[in-house]
Amino acid sequence: MEKYPYLNEAVANVLKERREALAMSKRKLSELAMIERAYITGLENGKWNVTLNVFFFLSEALEIAPEKFIELVRNEIEQLKNERVHNQ
């Protein structure tokens, strides 16, 4: 299966931005979300795909509704697409 364009990068950007806005360390996020810190690092680096299960745990830990998280990711995807088009 092909990867959805810009999805991993968008999740990475939104995840890191939200975590930093809450002044939360990766270690603290991993504890709250019950996810290995290495997995969070992989997500923030755009290396790994986020599962729906992890997505909900992250939403709760980051104090954001899942639908708002999805909206932020969708907006980030559009922004990344536009940046790439303008940089070509």
C-alpha atoms as a PDB file:
ATOM      1  CA  MET A   1       0.000   0.000   0.000  1.00  0.00           C
ATOM      2  CA  GLU A   2       1.232   3.435  -0.891  1.00  0.00           C
ATOM      3  CA  LYS A   3       1.706   6.097   1.789  1.00  0.00           C
ATOM      4  CA  TYR A   4      -0.651   9.066   1.764  1.00  0.00           C
ATOM      5  CA  PRO A   5       1.401  12.096   0.620  1.00  0.00           C
ATOM      6  CA  TYR A   6       2.781  14.251   3.433  1.00  0.00           C
ATOM      7  CA  LEU A   7       0.878  12.365   6.153  1.00  0.00           C
ATOM      8  CA  ASN A   8       3.870  11.310   8.253  1.00  0.00           C
ATOM      9  CA  GLU A   9       5.469  14.735   7.950  1.00  0.00           C
ATOM     10  CA  ALA A  10       2.215  16.469   8.892  1.00  0.00           C
ATOM     11  CA  VAL A  11       1.652  14.225  11.915  1.00  0.00           C
ATOM     12  CA  ALA A  12       5.267  14.833  12.947  1.00  0.00           C
ATOM     13  CA  ASN A  13       4.903  18.605  12.724  1.00  0.00           C
ATOM     14  CA  VAL A  14       1.574  18.769  14.560  1.00  0.00           C
ATOM     15  CA  LEU A  15       2.670  16.325  17.247  1.00  0.00           C
ATOM     16  CA  LYS A  16       5.908  18.146  17.975  1.00  0.00           C
ATOM     17  CA  GLU A  17       4.294  21.591  17.867  1.00  0.00           C
ATOM     18  CA  ARG A  18       1.526  20.568  20.267  1.00  0.00           C
ATOM     19  CA  ARG A  19       3.926  18.793  22.636  1.00  0.00           C
ATOM     20  CA  GLU A  20       6.232  21.810  22.749  1.00  0.00           C
ATOM     21  CA  ALA A  21       3.291  24.215  23.214  1.00  0.00           C
ATOM     22  CA  LEU A  22       2.441  22.256  26.358  1.00  0.00           C
ATOM     23  CA  ALA A  23       6.111  22.365  27.436  1.00  0.00           C
ATOM     24  CA  MET A  24       5.990  18.583  27.559  1.00  0.00           C
ATOM     25  CA  SER A  25       9.037  16.364  27.169  1.00  0.00           C
ATOM     26  CA  LYS A  26       8.955  13.248  25.014  1.00  0.00           C
ATOM     27  CA  ARG A  27       9.414  11.239  28.188  1.00  0.00           C
ATOM     28  CA  LYS A  28       6.342  12.827  29.799  1.00  0.00           C
ATOM     29  CA  LEU A  29       4.287  12.335  26.643  1.00  0.00           C
ATOM     30  CA  SER A  30       5.334   8.694  26.481  1.00  0.00           C
ATOM     31  CA  GLU A  31       4.222   8.205  30.087  1.00  0.00           C
ATOM     32  CA  LEU A  32       0.869   9.933  29.599  1.00  0.00           C
ATOM     33  CA  ALA A  33       0.132   8.216  26.286  1.00  0.00           C
ATOM     34  CA  MET A  34       1.531   4.846  27.412  1.00  0.00           C
ATOM     35  CA  ILE A  35       3.742   4.720  24.315  1.00  0.00           C
ATOM     36  CA  GLU A  36       7.466   4.012  24.093  1.00  0.00           C
ATOM     37  CA  ARG A  37       9.539   7.189  23.864  1.00  0.00           C
ATOM     38  CA  ALA A  38      11.374   5.751  20.843  1.00  0.00           C
ATOM     39  CA  TYR A  39       8.036   5.467  19.037  1.00  0.00           C
ATOM     40  CA  ILE A  40       7.259   9.121  19.754  1.00  0.00           C
ATOM     41  CA  THR A  41      10.701  10.070  18.455  1.00  0.00           C
ATOM     42  CA  GLY A  42      10.023   8.056  15.291  1.00  0.00           C
ATOM     43  CA  LEU A  43       6.675   9.784  14.828  1.00  0.00           C
ATOM     44  CA  GLU A  44       8.177  13.236  15.347  1.00  0.00           C
ATOM     45  CA  ASN A  45      10.881  12.421  12.811  1.00  0.00           C
ATOM     46  CA  GLY A  46       8.263  11.299  10.278  1.00  0.00           C
ATOM     47  CA  LYS A  47       9.798   7.822  10.170  1.00  0.00           C
ATOM     48  CA  TRP A  48       6.861   5.806  11.509  1.00  0.00           C
ATOM     49  CA  ASN A  49       3.169   5.655  10.776  1.00  0.00           C
ATOM     50  CA  VAL A  50       0.714   6.465  13.533  1.00  0.00           C
ATOM     51  CA  THR A  51      -1.919   3.830  14.251  1.00  0.00           C
ATOM     52  CA  LEU A  52      -5.455   4.784  15.148  1.00  0.00           C
ATOM     53  CA  ASN A  53      -4.939   3.347  18.633  1.00  0.00           C
ATOM     54  CA  VAL A  54      -1.822   5.468  19.198  1.00  0.00           C
ATOM     55  CA  PHE A  55      -3.554   8.484  17.679  1.00  0.00           C
ATOM     56  CA  PHE A  56      -6.254   8.355  20.355  1.00  0.00           C
ATOM     57  CA  PHE A  57      -3.734   7.887  23.169  1.00  0.00           C
ATOM     58  CA  LEU A  58      -1.735  10.860  21.860  1.00  0.00           C
ATOM     59  CA  SER A  59      -4.857  13.005  21.559  1.00  0.00           C
ATOM     60  CA  GLU A  60      -5.733  12.358  25.168  1.00  0.00           C
ATOM     61  CA  ALA A  61      -2.183  12.958  26.414  1.00  0.00           C
ATOM     62  CA  LEU A  62      -1.919  16.177  24.392  1.00  0.00           C
ATOM     63  CA  GLU A  63      -5.279  17.389  25.703  1.00  0.00           C
ATOM     64  CA  ILE A  64      -6.796  17.761  22.260  1.00  0.00           C
ATOM     65  CA  ALA A  65      -9.928  16.220  20.803  1.00  0.00           C
ATOM     66  CA  PRO A  66      -9.150  13.577  18.157  1.00  0.00           C
ATOM     67  CA  GLU A  67     -11.208  15.441  15.558  1.00  0.00           C
ATOM     68  CA  LYS A  68      -9.241  18.638  16.233  1.00  0.00           C
ATOM     69  CA  PHE A  69      -5.981  16.702  15.927  1.00  0.00           C
ATOM     70  CA  ILE A  70      -7.148  15.339  12.558  1.00  0.00           C
ATOM     71  CA  GLU A  71      -8.120  18.846  11.448  1.00  0.00           C
ATOM     72  CA  LEU A  72      -4.662  20.161  12.369  1.00  0.00           C
ATOM     73  CA  VAL A  73      -3.004  17.305  10.475  1.00  0.00           C
ATOM     74  CA  ARG A  74      -5.229  17.884   7.437  1.00  0.00           C
ATOM     75  CA  ASN A  75      -4.387  21.605   7.456  1.00  0.00           C
ATOM     76  CA  GLU A  76      -0.686  20.809   7.768  1.00  0.00           C
ATOM     77  CA  ILE A  77      -0.896  18.441   4.780  1.00  0.00           C
ATOM     78  CA  GLU A  78      -2.428  21.228   2.688  1.00  0.00           C
ATOM     79  CA  GLN A  79       0.254  23.655   3.804  1.00  0.00           C
ATOM     80  CA  LEU A  80       3.018  21.176   2.937  1.00  0.00           C
ATOM     81  CA  LYS A  81       1.460  20.544  -0.490  1.00  0.00           C
ATOM     82  CA  ASN A  82       1.275  24.277  -1.189  1.00  0.00           C
ATOM     83  CA  GLU A  83       4.871  24.830  -0.069  1.00  0.00           C
ATOM     84  CA  ARG A  84       6.122  22.070  -2.354  1.00  0.00           C
ATOM     85  CA  VAL A  85       4.159  23.400  -5.335  1.00  0.00           C
ATOM     86  CA  HIS A  86       5.526  26.920  -4.823  1.00  0.00           C
ATOM     87  CA  ASN A  87       9.092  25.646  -4.391  1.00  0.00           C
ATOM     88  CA  GLN A  88       9.113  23.750  -7.685  1.00  0.00           C
END
